[in-house]
Protein backbone atom coordinates (compact mmCIF):
# COMPACT_ATOMS: atom_id res chain seq x y z
CA MET A 1 -34.33 18.26 44.73
CA PRO A 2 -37.84 17.06 43.79
CA LYS A 3 -40.61 19.61 44.28
CA LYS A 4 -43.07 19.09 47.11
CA VAL A 5 -46.57 20.49 47.67
CA LEU A 6 -48.63 20.69 50.85
CA ILE A 7 -52.41 20.29 50.46
CA VAL A 8 -54.61 21.60 53.28
CA ASN A 9 -58.21 20.49 53.86
CA THR A 10 -60.89 21.37 56.39
CA SER A 11 -61.77 19.40 59.50
CA VAL A 12 -65.29 20.88 59.85
CA ASP A 13 -68.21 18.63 58.96
CA HIS A 14 -71.30 20.83 59.34
CA PHE A 15 -72.57 24.39 59.07
CA GLU A 16 -72.49 26.07 62.45
CA ASN A 17 -75.98 26.44 63.97
CA PHE A 18 -77.48 24.24 61.26
CA ASP A 19 -77.96 20.49 60.99
CA VAL A 20 -76.52 20.48 57.48
CA ALA A 21 -73.42 18.50 56.55
CA THR A 22 -70.45 20.03 54.77
CA GLY A 23 -66.70 19.47 54.58
CA LEU A 24 -64.17 19.15 51.79
CA TRP A 25 -65.45 19.49 48.22
CA LEU A 26 -63.79 16.31 47.01
CA GLY A 27 -63.32 17.33 43.35
CA GLU A 28 -61.33 20.39 44.39
CA LEU A 29 -58.77 18.08 45.94
CA VAL A 30 -58.88 15.39 43.26
CA HIS A 31 -58.41 17.56 40.18
CA PHE A 32 -55.44 19.39 41.70
CA TYR A 33 -53.92 16.20 43.09
CA ASP A 34 -54.26 14.36 39.78
CA VAL A 35 -52.31 16.99 37.82
CA MET A 36 -49.51 16.95 40.40
CA HIS A 37 -49.47 13.16 40.61
CA ARG A 38 -49.24 12.74 36.85
CA ASN A 39 -46.28 15.11 36.84
CA HIS A 40 -44.47 13.29 39.65
CA ILE A 41 -44.79 16.07 42.21
CA GLN A 42 -44.56 14.89 45.81
CA MET A 43 -47.54 15.81 47.98
CA ASP A 44 -48.61 15.66 51.60
CA ILE A 45 -52.29 16.00 52.57
CA VAL A 46 -53.26 17.48 55.94
CA ASN A 47 -56.28 19.01 57.60
CA THR A 48 -56.62 21.50 60.44
CA LYS A 49 -57.15 19.06 63.34
CA GLY A 50 -55.75 15.75 62.16
CA GLY A 51 -57.66 12.51 61.63
CA ALA A 52 -60.55 11.96 59.24
CA THR A 53 -61.32 14.66 56.71
CA PRO A 54 -65.08 15.19 56.30
CA ILE A 55 -66.34 15.23 52.73
CA ASP A 56 -69.29 17.36 51.68
CA PRO A 57 -71.95 14.82 50.61
CA VAL A 58 -73.15 17.14 47.85
CA SER A 59 -69.73 16.87 46.21
CA THR A 60 -70.15 13.11 45.82
CA SER A 61 -73.78 13.17 44.73
CA LYS A 62 -74.73 11.82 41.30
CA LEU A 63 -75.29 15.33 39.99
CA MET A 64 -71.86 16.60 41.04
CA LEU A 65 -69.57 13.57 40.92
CA ASP A 66 -67.45 13.65 37.75
CA LYS A 67 -65.63 10.64 36.32
CA LEU A 68 -62.17 11.48 37.67
CA THR A 69 -63.39 12.25 41.17
CA LYS A 70 -65.35 8.99 41.21
CA GLN A 71 -62.20 7.09 40.24
CA TYR A 72 -60.32 8.58 43.17
CA GLN A 73 -63.29 8.02 45.50
CA ASN A 74 -63.08 4.33 44.60
CA ASN A 75 -59.31 4.27 45.20
CA GLN A 76 -58.94 2.86 48.69
CA ALA A 77 -55.33 3.97 49.13
CA PHE A 78 -56.17 7.56 48.20
CA MET A 79 -59.23 7.74 50.42
CA GLN A 80 -57.19 6.33 53.30
CA LEU A 81 -55.06 9.48 53.08
CA LEU A 82 -58.20 11.43 53.98
CA GLU A 83 -59.13 9.08 56.81
CA THR A 84 -55.79 9.43 58.58
CA SER A 85 -54.59 12.94 57.73
CA PRO A 86 -51.98 14.64 59.92
CA SER A 87 -52.78 18.05 61.37
CA ILE A 88 -51.25 21.14 59.83
CA LYS A 89 -49.93 21.83 63.34
CA THR A 90 -47.34 19.08 62.81
CA ILE A 91 -46.05 20.46 59.50
CA ASN A 92 -42.65 22.04 58.92
CA PRO A 93 -43.28 24.45 56.02
CA LYS A 94 -39.57 24.45 55.17
CA ASP A 95 -40.21 21.09 53.50
CA TYR A 96 -42.52 22.52 50.81
CA ASP A 97 -42.24 24.50 47.59
CA ALA A 98 -45.97 25.30 47.46
CA VAL A 99 -49.16 25.08 49.44
CA TYR A 100 -52.68 24.51 48.11
CA PHE A 101 -55.85 25.18 50.09
CA THR A 102 -58.91 23.19 49.01
CA GLY A 103 -62.48 24.38 49.39
CA GLY A 104 -65.83 23.18 50.56
CA HIS A 105 -67.86 25.23 53.02
CA GLY A 106 -66.16 23.67 56.02
CA VAL A 107 -63.12 25.89 55.49
CA MET A 108 -65.20 28.96 56.25
CA TYR A 109 -64.99 27.96 59.92
CA ASP A 110 -61.43 26.66 60.38
CA PHE A 111 -59.35 28.54 57.78
CA PRO A 112 -59.85 32.29 58.52
CA GLY A 113 -57.43 33.57 61.13
CA ASN A 114 -55.89 30.12 61.62
CA PRO A 115 -52.38 30.69 63.07
CA ASP A 116 -50.98 27.43 61.71
CA ILE A 117 -52.19 28.24 58.21
CA GLN A 118 -50.66 31.69 58.49
CA ARG A 119 -47.40 30.20 59.75
CA VAL A 120 -47.23 27.90 56.73
CA ILE A 121 -48.03 30.68 54.25
CA SER A 122 -45.46 33.02 55.79
CA LYS A 123 -42.64 30.49 55.73
CA ILE A 124 -43.35 29.21 52.23
CA ARG A 125 -43.36 32.79 50.94
CA GLU A 126 -40.18 33.61 52.88
CA GLN A 127 -38.37 30.82 51.05
CA GLY A 128 -39.72 31.85 47.64
CA GLY A 129 -42.55 29.36 47.35
CA ILE A 130 -46.03 29.43 45.85
CA VAL A 131 -49.37 29.93 47.60
CA SER A 132 -52.55 28.65 45.94
CA ALA A 133 -56.19 28.05 46.74
CA VAL A 134 -59.52 27.35 45.08
CA CYS A 135 -63.13 28.34 45.75
CA HIS A 136 -63.76 28.73 49.51
CA GLY A 137 -60.14 27.70 50.13
CA ILE A 138 -59.34 31.40 49.67
CA CYS A 139 -60.69 31.73 53.24
CA ALA A 140 -57.17 30.73 54.31
CA PHE A 141 -56.09 34.30 53.54
CA LEU A 142 -58.81 36.09 55.50
CA ASP A 143 -57.97 37.93 58.75
CA PHE A 144 -54.25 37.50 58.02
CA LYS A 145 -52.21 40.67 58.60
CA ASP A 146 -48.51 41.40 58.16
CA THR A 147 -46.33 43.04 60.82
CA ASN A 148 -47.57 46.45 59.67
CA GLY A 149 -51.21 45.48 60.19
CA VAL A 150 -51.96 45.20 56.47
CA TYR A 151 -54.25 42.38 55.37
CA TYR A 152 -52.53 39.67 53.33
CA VAL A 153 -55.08 40.01 50.52
CA SER A 154 -54.86 43.80 50.37
CA GLY A 155 -53.99 44.87 46.83
CA LYS A 156 -53.56 41.29 45.61
CA LYS A 157 -55.24 40.13 42.43
CA LEU A 158 -57.29 37.04 43.21
CA THR A 159 -60.60 35.27 42.84
CA GLY A 160 -62.82 32.99 44.90
CA PHE A 161 -66.39 31.74 45.21
CA SER A 162 -68.68 34.60 44.25
CA ASN A 163 -71.78 35.95 45.98
CA PHE A 164 -73.91 34.94 43.00
CA GLU A 165 -72.56 31.38 43.05
CA GLU A 166 -73.32 31.18 46.78
CA LYS A 167 -76.93 32.13 46.04
CA LEU A 168 -77.18 29.62 43.20
CA ALA A 169 -75.80 26.90 45.50
CA TYR A 170 -78.59 27.64 48.02
CA ARG A 171 -76.02 28.25 50.75
CA LYS A 172 -76.41 32.00 51.31
CA LYS A 173 -78.54 31.50 54.44
CA LEU A 174 -76.16 28.88 55.85
CA VAL A 175 -72.73 30.47 55.44
CA PRO A 176 -71.22 32.64 58.21
CA PHE A 177 -70.24 35.31 55.66
CA MET A 178 -70.05 35.94 51.93
CA LEU A 179 -66.50 35.33 50.75
CA GLU A 180 -66.57 37.87 47.93
CA ASP A 181 -67.72 40.58 50.36
CA GLN A 182 -65.00 39.72 52.87
CA LEU A 183 -62.29 39.84 50.24
CA PHE A 184 -63.38 43.28 49.12
CA ALA A 185 -63.59 44.44 52.75
CA GLN A 186 -59.98 43.40 53.32
CA GLY A 187 -58.76 45.22 50.22
CA ALA A 188 -58.38 42.42 47.68
CA ASP A 189 -58.38 43.16 43.96
CA TYR A 190 -61.09 40.57 43.40
CA THR A 191 -62.34 39.51 39.97
CA LYS A 192 -64.59 36.70 38.74
CA ALA A 193 -65.76 35.05 35.55
CA ALA A 194 -68.51 36.70 33.54
CA LEU A 195 -70.71 33.63 34.10
CA PRO A 196 -71.05 31.56 37.29
CA PHE A 197 -69.58 28.08 37.61
CA ARG A 198 -67.12 28.52 34.77
CA PRO A 199 -63.40 27.81 35.21
CA TYR A 200 -61.58 30.99 36.19
CA THR A 201 -58.15 31.55 37.71
CA VAL A 202 -55.99 34.51 38.64
CA THR A 203 -52.22 34.55 39.09
CA ASP A 204 -50.56 37.40 40.95
CA TYR A 205 -46.83 36.85 41.31
CA HIS A 206 -46.58 34.03 43.89
CA LEU A 207 -50.35 33.67 44.36
CA VAL A 208 -52.62 31.39 42.27
CA THR A 209 -56.35 31.29 42.95
CA GLY A 210 -59.37 29.62 41.34
CA GLN A 211 -62.96 30.77 41.61
CA ASN A 212 -65.04 27.63 41.99
CA PRO A 213 -65.21 23.81 41.80
CA GLN A 214 -64.67 24.03 38.05
CA SER A 215 -61.23 25.65 38.51
CA PRO A 216 -58.82 23.32 40.44
CA LYS A 217 -57.31 21.72 37.34
CA ARG A 218 -56.39 25.14 35.96
CA VAL A 219 -54.98 26.17 39.34
CA ALA A 220 -52.87 23.01 39.38
CA LYS A 221 -51.49 23.64 35.90
CA LYS A 222 -50.50 27.20 36.82
CA VAL A 223 -48.86 26.05 40.05
CA LEU A 224 -47.05 23.33 38.11
CA ALA A 225 -45.75 25.87 35.60
CA LEU A 226 -44.35 27.97 38.46
CA LEU A 227 -42.81 24.90 40.11
CA ASN A 228 -41.16 24.00 36.82
CA ALA A 229 -39.83 27.52 36.28
CA LYS A 230 -36.06 27.82 36.23
CA ASP A 231 -36.01 29.67 39.55
CA LYS A 232 -38.62 29.87 42.27
CA ILE A 233 -40.36 33.20 42.64
CA LYS A 234 -38.45 35.61 44.85
């Protein structure tokens, strides 16, 4: 059977209590998607509510927009996938071998504690699949406890957008919390690159995480290697 990956984006388009736009960081979707596409992996793209996926305008600014992301931005068929995304509520996780959570600050509002996200993660893990995320997409794991009341991230080796990177991005006063702090508070074995905004990934058994917008390609390659392994992780 061909492998299949679910990609989950935000549906939130602004910082709460601020008139500042946010949403999906487009490159964090594109660079993961491109690796999977070139390796003939089937993918479905959803968001939390269904309908149009908001895109953080900073991610498509001249300073941030890289060549590959611009190519996809100009691809009408690809962008249509983001205009008419199904909701994760409609998804049957049995259909997927892996899930990937994209970032952008919008996810800080609709990923933590989301029961549909937790349902998808639980089922994919139950059937031996892979869970992955990049940057703020790691928010998908926050406030998620097992039947014993233990946080999902507790004891897991992972990474995610750092406090220092949040400061450098001039978003510290806008965000509802600092991701690095929350991960530590919930018991994660969090690490980060020695320098900000450098590609950095961590793999812990079934879990693949990337620190920042520079990391989705590396996350994709690690997920691909696991998908191509002789047997799925048990």
